């Protein structure tokens, strides 16, 4: 059970909070995740998706109900620009 100790400026303990943790996934930016990256992987992971946790701020919409993480959004853009 993780516990956090909060101290006052003089170093005395003010509050100790303990919890069983949170199962909420976080985006790399630290915000709560509300989406997953839907980029279809290639190679050995063919048939799977990235599933990187994303917040609505970091997700890039790539169609109806398709969201991409920043890395895969750039990759998808490069793939669509190829001659």
N, C-alpha and C. Protein backbone atom coordinates (compact mmCIF):
# COMPACT_ATOMS: atom_id res chain seq x y z
N UNK A 1 0.85 -1.16 0.00
CA UNK A 1 0.00 0.00 0.00
C UNK A 1 0.90 1.23 0.00
N UNK A 2 0.92 2.02 -1.10
CA UNK A 2 1.78 3.20 -1.13
C UNK A 2 1.24 4.31 -0.24
N UNK A 3 2.15 5.00 0.42
CA UNK A 3 1.77 6.11 1.28
C UNK A 3 2.56 7.36 0.88
N UNK A 4 1.93 8.50 1.00
CA UNK A 4 2.57 9.79 0.75
C UNK A 4 2.62 10.56 2.05
N UNK A 5 3.78 11.16 2.32
CA UNK A 5 3.95 11.97 3.52
C UNK A 5 4.08 13.42 3.10
N UNK A 6 3.25 14.28 3.65
CA UNK A 6 3.29 15.71 3.37
C UNK A 6 3.79 16.42 4.61
N UNK A 7 4.83 17.24 4.42
CA UNK A 7 5.46 17.93 5.54
C UNK A 7 5.24 19.44 5.44
N UNK A 8 5.24 20.09 6.59
CA UNK A 8 5.15 21.55 6.61
C UNK A 8 6.53 22.12 6.33
N UNK A 9 6.63 23.43 6.21
CA UNK A 9 7.90 24.08 5.92
C UNK A 9 8.95 23.82 6.99
N UNK A 10 8.52 23.62 8.23
CA UNK A 10 9.50 23.37 9.30
C UNK A 10 9.88 21.89 9.39
N UNK A 11 9.38 21.04 8.48
CA UNK A 11 9.77 19.65 8.43
C UNK A 11 8.88 18.69 9.20
N UNK A 12 7.91 19.22 9.91
CA UNK A 12 7.01 18.35 10.66
C UNK A 12 6.00 17.69 9.72
N UNK A 13 5.65 16.47 10.06
CA UNK A 13 4.66 15.76 9.26
C UNK A 13 3.29 16.37 9.51
N UNK A 14 2.62 16.72 8.42
CA UNK A 14 1.27 17.28 8.52
C UNK A 14 0.21 16.22 8.21
N UNK A 15 0.45 15.47 7.12
CA UNK A 15 -0.55 14.50 6.67
C UNK A 15 0.16 13.29 6.08
N UNK A 16 -0.38 12.11 6.37
CA UNK A 16 0.05 10.89 5.72
C UNK A 16 -1.17 10.28 5.06
N UNK A 17 -1.09 10.06 3.74
CA UNK A 17 -2.21 9.44 3.03
C UNK A 17 -1.73 8.12 2.43
N UNK A 18 -2.54 7.10 2.57
CA UNK A 18 -2.21 5.79 2.02
C UNK A 18 -3.37 5.31 1.14
N UNK A 19 -3.02 4.61 0.09
CA UNK A 19 -4.06 4.10 -0.80
C UNK A 19 -3.61 2.77 -1.39
N UNK A 20 -4.51 2.14 -2.06
CA UNK A 20 -4.19 0.89 -2.73
C UNK A 20 -3.70 1.15 -4.14
N UNK A 21 -3.51 2.40 -4.49
CA UNK A 21 -3.04 2.76 -5.82
C UNK A 21 -4.19 3.03 -6.75
N UNK A 22 -3.84 3.42 -7.94
CA UNK A 22 -4.85 3.74 -8.94
C UNK A 22 -4.60 2.92 -10.19
N UNK A 23 -5.65 2.38 -10.74
CA UNK A 23 -5.54 1.63 -11.98
C UNK A 23 -5.69 2.53 -13.20
N UNK A 24 -5.97 3.82 -12.95
CA UNK A 24 -6.15 4.75 -14.06
C UNK A 24 -4.83 4.94 -14.79
N UNK A 25 -4.85 4.68 -16.09
CA UNK A 25 -3.66 4.85 -16.90
C UNK A 25 -3.48 6.34 -17.18
N UNK A 26 -2.25 6.74 -17.34
CA UNK A 26 -1.93 8.14 -17.60
C UNK A 26 -1.26 8.28 -18.96
N UNK A 27 -1.54 9.38 -19.61
CA UNK A 27 -0.88 9.77 -20.84
C UNK A 27 0.57 10.13 -20.50
N UNK A 28 1.46 10.12 -21.47
CA UNK A 28 2.85 10.49 -21.20
C UNK A 28 2.98 11.91 -20.67
N UNK A 29 2.02 12.77 -20.99
CA UNK A 29 2.06 14.16 -20.50
C UNK A 29 1.63 14.25 -19.04
N UNK A 30 1.08 13.16 -18.47
CA UNK A 30 0.67 13.14 -17.08
C UNK A 30 -0.83 13.25 -16.86
N UNK A 31 -1.56 13.62 -17.91
CA UNK A 31 -3.02 13.73 -17.77
C UNK A 31 -3.65 12.33 -17.76
N UNK A 32 -4.87 12.26 -17.25
CA UNK A 32 -5.61 11.00 -17.22
C UNK A 32 -5.92 10.55 -18.65
N UNK A 33 -5.71 9.28 -18.92
CA UNK A 33 -5.94 8.72 -20.25
C UNK A 33 -7.42 8.46 -20.46
N UNK A 34 -7.90 8.88 -21.62
CA UNK A 34 -9.29 8.61 -21.99
C UNK A 34 -9.37 7.84 -23.31
N UNK A 35 -8.20 7.64 -23.96
CA UNK A 35 -8.15 6.98 -25.26
C UNK A 35 -6.92 6.09 -25.34
N UNK A 36 -6.88 5.25 -26.37
CA UNK A 36 -5.70 4.43 -26.67
C UNK A 36 -5.32 4.64 -28.13
N UNK A 37 -4.03 4.54 -28.43
CA UNK A 37 -3.57 4.67 -29.81
C UNK A 37 -4.03 3.47 -30.63
N UNK A 38 -4.63 3.75 -31.79
CA UNK A 38 -5.19 2.70 -32.65
C UNK A 38 -4.30 2.36 -33.84
N UNK A 39 -3.05 2.81 -33.83
CA UNK A 39 -2.14 2.54 -34.95
C UNK A 39 -1.90 1.05 -35.06
N UNK A 40 -2.09 0.52 -36.27
CA UNK A 40 -1.90 -0.92 -36.51
C UNK A 40 -0.41 -1.21 -36.68
N UNK A 41 0.10 -2.10 -35.84
CA UNK A 41 1.52 -2.43 -35.85
C UNK A 41 1.85 -3.38 -36.99
N UNK A 42 3.14 -3.40 -37.32
CA UNK A 42 3.62 -4.24 -38.42
C UNK A 42 4.66 -5.21 -37.90
N UNK A 43 5.14 -6.07 -38.76
CA UNK A 43 6.21 -7.00 -38.39
C UNK A 43 5.73 -8.08 -37.44
N UNK A 44 6.52 -8.32 -36.39
CA UNK A 44 6.22 -9.39 -35.43
C UNK A 44 4.91 -9.14 -34.67
N UNK A 45 4.48 -7.89 -34.60
CA UNK A 45 3.26 -7.55 -33.86
C UNK A 45 2.07 -7.28 -34.80
N UNK A 46 2.15 -7.81 -36.00
CA UNK A 46 1.09 -7.63 -36.99
C UNK A 46 -0.26 -8.08 -36.42
N UNK A 47 -1.27 -7.26 -36.63
CA UNK A 47 -2.61 -7.57 -36.13
C UNK A 47 -2.92 -6.94 -34.78
N UNK A 48 -1.91 -6.32 -34.16
CA UNK A 48 -2.13 -5.65 -32.87
C UNK A 48 -2.08 -4.14 -33.09
N UNK A 49 -2.56 -3.41 -32.08
CA UNK A 49 -2.47 -1.95 -32.14
C UNK A 49 -1.54 -1.45 -31.04
N UNK A 50 -1.09 -0.22 -31.17
CA UNK A 50 -0.12 0.37 -30.24
C UNK A 50 -0.66 0.38 -28.80
N UNK A 51 -1.89 0.84 -28.62
CA UNK A 51 -2.56 0.91 -27.31
C UNK A 51 -1.87 1.81 -26.29
N UNK A 52 -1.09 2.79 -26.75
CA UNK A 52 -0.48 3.78 -25.85
C UNK A 52 -1.61 4.59 -25.21
N UNK A 53 -1.63 4.73 -23.87
CA UNK A 53 -2.66 5.55 -23.23
C UNK A 53 -2.52 7.01 -23.65
N UNK A 54 -3.64 7.65 -24.00
CA UNK A 54 -3.64 9.03 -24.47
C UNK A 54 -4.71 9.86 -23.79
N UNK A 55 -4.40 11.13 -23.56
CA UNK A 55 -5.44 12.07 -23.14
C UNK A 55 -6.00 12.70 -24.41
N UNK A 56 -7.12 13.41 -24.31
CA UNK A 56 -7.73 14.01 -25.49
C UNK A 56 -6.85 15.13 -26.06
N UNK A 57 -5.99 15.72 -25.24
CA UNK A 57 -5.10 16.79 -25.70
C UNK A 57 -4.00 16.24 -26.62
N UNK A 58 -3.44 15.09 -26.31
CA UNK A 58 -2.32 14.52 -27.07
C UNK A 58 -2.75 13.64 -28.24
N UNK A 59 -3.98 13.15 -28.23
CA UNK A 59 -4.47 12.26 -29.28
C UNK A 59 -4.73 13.02 -30.57
N UNK A 60 -4.40 12.40 -31.70
CA UNK A 60 -4.70 12.95 -33.01
C UNK A 60 -5.77 12.06 -33.63
N UNK A 61 -6.88 12.67 -34.03
CA UNK A 61 -7.97 11.92 -34.65
C UNK A 61 -7.59 11.59 -36.09
N UNK A 62 -7.74 10.33 -36.46
CA UNK A 62 -7.41 9.89 -37.81
C UNK A 62 -8.61 9.19 -38.44
N UNK A 63 -9.76 9.73 -38.21
CA UNK A 63 -10.98 9.12 -38.75
C UNK A 63 -11.96 8.83 -37.65
N UNK A 64 -13.04 8.18 -38.03
CA UNK A 64 -14.09 7.85 -37.09
C UNK A 64 -13.60 6.85 -36.04
N UNK A 65 -13.54 7.28 -34.80
CA UNK A 65 -13.15 6.44 -33.67
C UNK A 65 -11.74 5.86 -33.80
N UNK A 66 -10.84 6.60 -34.47
CA UNK A 66 -9.44 6.19 -34.59
C UNK A 66 -8.58 7.33 -34.06
N UNK A 67 -7.80 7.04 -33.03
CA UNK A 67 -6.92 8.03 -32.42
C UNK A 67 -5.49 7.53 -32.47
N UNK A 68 -4.55 8.46 -32.67
CA UNK A 68 -3.14 8.10 -32.77
C UNK A 68 -2.32 8.89 -31.76
N UNK A 69 -1.28 8.23 -31.23
CA UNK A 69 -0.33 8.92 -30.36
C UNK A 69 0.52 9.84 -31.23
N UNK A 70 1.23 10.80 -30.64
CA UNK A 70 2.03 11.74 -31.44
C UNK A 70 3.03 11.05 -32.37
N UNK A 71 3.71 10.02 -31.91
CA UNK A 71 4.70 9.32 -32.74
C UNK A 71 4.03 8.68 -33.96
N UNK A 72 2.95 7.97 -33.72
CA UNK A 72 2.28 7.28 -34.83
C UNK A 72 1.51 8.25 -35.72
N UNK A 73 1.08 9.38 -35.20
CA UNK A 73 0.44 10.39 -36.05
C UNK A 73 1.45 10.92 -37.06
N UNK A 74 2.70 11.16 -36.62
CA UNK A 74 3.74 11.62 -37.54
C UNK A 74 4.06 10.53 -38.57
N UNK A 75 4.15 9.28 -38.12
CA UNK A 75 4.43 8.18 -39.04
C UNK A 75 3.32 8.04 -40.08
N UNK A 76 2.08 8.12 -39.66
CA UNK A 76 0.94 7.99 -40.57
C UNK A 76 0.94 9.13 -41.58
N UNK A 77 1.32 10.32 -41.14
CA UNK A 77 1.37 11.47 -42.05
C UNK A 77 2.46 11.26 -43.11
N UNK A 78 3.62 10.76 -42.69
CA UNK A 78 4.71 10.49 -43.64
C UNK A 78 4.32 9.40 -44.64
N UNK A 79 3.62 8.39 -44.15
CA UNK A 79 3.20 7.28 -45.02
C UNK A 79 2.21 7.76 -46.08
N UNK A 80 1.34 8.70 -45.73
CA UNK A 80 0.34 9.18 -46.68
C UNK A 80 0.92 10.16 -47.69
N UNK A 81 2.10 10.74 -47.41
CA UNK A 81 2.72 11.71 -48.30
C UNK A 81 3.62 11.04 -49.31
N UNK A 82 4.02 9.80 -49.10
CA UNK A 82 4.92 9.09 -50.02
C UNK A 82 4.38 9.08 -51.44
N UNK A 83 5.28 9.27 -52.44
CA UNK A 83 4.85 9.28 -53.84
C UNK A 83 4.45 7.89 -54.34
